[in-house]
Structure formats: structure tokens, C-alpha cells
Amino acid sequence: MLLEEPLPVTNLGDEGIRVAYQLDLFGKLKRGEQAAEANSEAVAAARDLAAITVTAETVRSYVQICSANHGYQVVQQQLGLQQKQLELTRRLASAGRMTATDVLRAQAQRDSVNAALPAYQAQRDAARYRLAMLLGKAPA
């Protein structure tokens, strides 16, 4: 049997453009945008802080090296003076003008000054190694 009436035309496809908007009634999208911007600013601030910290530590290490070098030179000069004092004390003791106790005291003072040298060397080396690490170079 054939149908005498035509079938109604139905369109199964939808070729129209659909646009959907999400209404921001409570400001959720705006707060999300502000949070993303704040996060970006926080990352930039952290980067700046890291750069400032590395710069400050580099300057600090350099100043410590200079200070340790100066201290080392001062102690070396003191050591030279103490050595001369010891020699003078020995000569005076051999001439009978000073006692053996005075010679021992002069030796102890010289040895005390001499004992300060390694501390300045250690401070200088530690600062040099820290500076080399900050600059990404070998400590030598």
C-alpha cells in the first residue's frame, strides 16, 4: 500500500548558532579573574624577592671576604710586631735586663696572635665558597 498523503517534513539537524552566557550574578567569575591576577603578581614578587636575596647574599659574601682579608693582614702585622718584641725580650733577657718569665710571656703573646690567623683564613674561605656558589663558579 502506498500512502496518498506526503509525510510531514521534520528537520533532525539543527544548523543554528547557539550562544550561551553564564550570568555572573554573585561575582564568582570576577573573583576568579582577580585571583588569577593576584597569583600572577605573587609569582612576579617571588621572582623579584629571589633576585634581591641572591644579590644581597653576593654582596654580603664579598664584604665578608674583604673583611677577613683585612683582619688577616692586621693579624699578620701584629704577629710581626710580636715576633720583634719576642726577639727584643730575648736579647734583653740574655743581657740580664729581663727574666725568663718575660720571655715566656712574649712567646705566649706571639703564639696567641698566631692562633688567630686560621680563624680569618676560615672566614675568608667560607665566604669565597659561598660567593662561588652564588655565582655558579668553581670555588678556586
Protein backbone atom coordinates (compact mmCIF):
# COMPACT_ATOMS: atom_id res chain seq x y z
CA MET A 1 0.00 0.00 0.00
CA LEU A 2 1.19 3.38 -0.94
CA LEU A 3 0.47 6.47 1.08
CA GLU A 4 -1.52 9.02 -0.71
CA GLU A 5 -0.56 11.90 1.56
CA PRO A 6 3.00 13.12 1.81
CA LEU A 7 4.80 12.66 5.08
CA PRO A 8 5.40 15.79 7.13
CA VAL A 9 8.91 17.27 6.82
CA THR A 10 10.90 17.09 10.01
CA ASN A 11 14.33 18.54 10.43
CA LEU A 12 16.54 16.33 12.51
CA GLY A 13 19.62 18.60 12.25
CA ASP A 14 19.97 21.96 13.94
CA GLU A 15 22.15 24.31 11.99
CA GLY A 16 21.55 27.37 14.10
CA ILE A 17 24.23 29.08 16.16
CA ARG A 18 23.82 28.80 19.85
CA VAL A 19 25.30 31.28 22.23
CA ALA A 20 25.38 30.63 25.92
CA TYR A 21 26.24 33.17 28.56
CA GLN A 22 26.94 32.40 32.14
CA LEU A 23 25.48 35.09 34.26
CA ASP A 24 27.77 36.35 36.97
CA LEU A 25 25.12 37.20 39.48
CA PHE A 26 27.30 36.77 42.56
CA GLY A 27 30.69 37.90 41.13
CA LYS A 28 32.20 34.42 41.01
CA LEU A 29 33.83 34.97 37.61
CA LYS A 30 35.15 38.38 38.60
CA ARG A 31 36.69 36.98 41.78
CA GLY A 32 38.27 34.18 39.78
CA GLU A 33 39.80 36.72 37.42
CA GLN A 34 41.07 38.78 40.35
CA ALA A 35 42.53 35.67 41.98
CA ALA A 36 44.37 34.75 38.78
CA GLU A 37 45.78 38.28 38.53
CA ALA A 38 46.84 38.22 42.19
CA ASN A 39 48.52 34.85 41.65
CA SER A 40 50.45 36.26 38.71
CA GLU A 41 51.55 39.24 40.79
CA ALA A 42 52.61 36.93 43.62
CA VAL A 43 54.79 34.92 41.24
CA ALA A 44 56.42 38.12 39.98
CA ALA A 45 57.01 39.29 43.57
CA ALA A 46 58.57 35.93 44.49
CA ARG A 47 60.87 36.16 41.48
CA ASP A 48 61.90 39.69 42.48
CA LEU A 49 62.49 38.57 46.06
CA ALA A 50 64.72 35.73 44.89
CA ALA A 51 66.78 38.13 42.75
CA ILE A 52 67.14 40.57 45.63
CA THR A 53 68.13 37.77 48.02
CA VAL A 54 70.81 36.45 45.68
CA THR A 55 72.16 39.96 45.14
CA ALA A 56 72.23 40.68 48.87
CA GLU A 57 73.96 37.38 49.65
CA THR A 58 76.51 38.04 46.90
CA VAL A 59 77.33 41.46 48.33
CA ARG A 60 77.41 40.03 51.87
CA SER A 61 79.86 37.31 50.85
CA TYR A 62 82.09 39.79 49.05
CA VAL A 63 82.16 42.12 52.07
CA GLN A 64 82.98 39.17 54.33
CA ILE A 65 85.89 38.24 52.07
CA CYS A 66 87.19 41.81 52.20
CA SER A 67 86.76 41.96 55.96
CA ALA A 68 88.50 38.64 56.51
CA ASN A 69 91.38 39.70 54.25
CA HIS A 70 91.76 42.95 56.19
CA GLY A 71 91.64 41.14 59.53
CA TYR A 72 94.19 38.63 58.30
CA GLN A 73 96.57 41.42 57.25
CA VAL A 74 96.16 43.17 60.59
CA VAL A 75 96.91 39.95 62.48
CA GLN A 76 99.95 39.34 60.29
CA GLN A 77 101.26 42.80 61.15
CA GLN A 78 100.60 42.13 64.83
CA LEU A 79 102.41 38.83 64.50
CA GLY A 80 105.43 40.60 63.02
CA LEU A 81 105.41 43.10 65.90
CA GLN A 82 105.06 40.31 68.47
CA GLN A 83 107.96 38.45 66.85
CA LYS A 84 110.13 41.58 67.10
CA GLN A 85 109.01 42.02 70.72
CA LEU A 86 109.98 38.42 71.45
CA GLU A 87 113.43 38.87 69.88
CA LEU A 88 113.97 42.09 71.84
CA THR A 89 112.83 40.41 75.07
CA ARG A 90 115.24 37.52 74.45
CA ARG A 91 118.16 39.88 73.86
CA LEU A 92 117.32 41.85 76.98
CA ALA A 93 116.99 38.60 78.96
CA SER A 94 120.39 37.42 77.72
CA ALA A 95 121.83 40.79 78.82
CA GLY A 96 120.25 40.30 82.25
CA ARG A 97 117.70 43.10 81.94
CA MET A 98 114.66 40.77 81.75
CA THR A 99 113.74 37.41 83.22
CA ALA A 100 112.87 34.08 81.63
CA THR A 101 109.26 34.73 82.63
CA ASP A 102 109.24 37.83 80.44
CA VAL A 103 110.50 35.74 77.51
CA LEU A 104 107.78 33.15 78.12
CA ARG A 105 105.15 35.90 78.31
CA ALA A 106 106.36 37.35 74.98
CA GLN A 107 106.26 33.88 73.39
CA ALA A 108 102.72 33.32 74.68
CA GLN A 109 101.59 36.65 73.24
CA ARG A 110 103.14 35.81 69.88
CA ASP A 111 101.54 32.36 69.89
CA SER A 112 98.18 33.86 70.82
CA VAL A 113 98.30 36.26 67.88
CA ASN A 114 99.48 33.46 65.59
CA ALA A 115 96.49 31.34 66.67
CA ALA A 116 94.08 33.99 65.29
CA LEU A 117 95.31 33.58 61.69
CA PRO A 118 93.47 30.31 60.89
CA ALA A 119 90.14 31.82 62.01
CA TYR A 120 90.49 34.63 59.46
CA GLN A 121 91.55 32.14 56.78
CA ALA A 122 88.49 30.00 57.53
CA GLN A 123 86.16 33.03 57.38
CA ARG A 124 87.68 34.09 54.07
CA ASP A 125 87.46 30.60 52.58
CA ALA A 126 83.85 30.11 53.72
CA ALA A 127 82.83 33.46 52.22
CA ARG A 128 84.72 32.65 49.00
CA TYR A 129 82.97 29.30 48.67
CA ARG A 130 79.58 30.92 49.31
CA LEU A 131 80.32 33.61 46.72
CA ALA A 132 81.42 31.00 44.19
CA MET A 133 78.22 29.04 44.78
CA LEU A 134 76.08 32.16 44.30
CA LEU A 135 77.90 32.99 41.08
CA GLY A 136 77.79 29.41 39.84
CA LYS A 137 81.58 29.11 39.58
CA ALA A 138 84.20 26.77 40.95
CA PRO A 139 85.43 27.75 44.44
CA ALA A 140 89.04 28.02 43.27
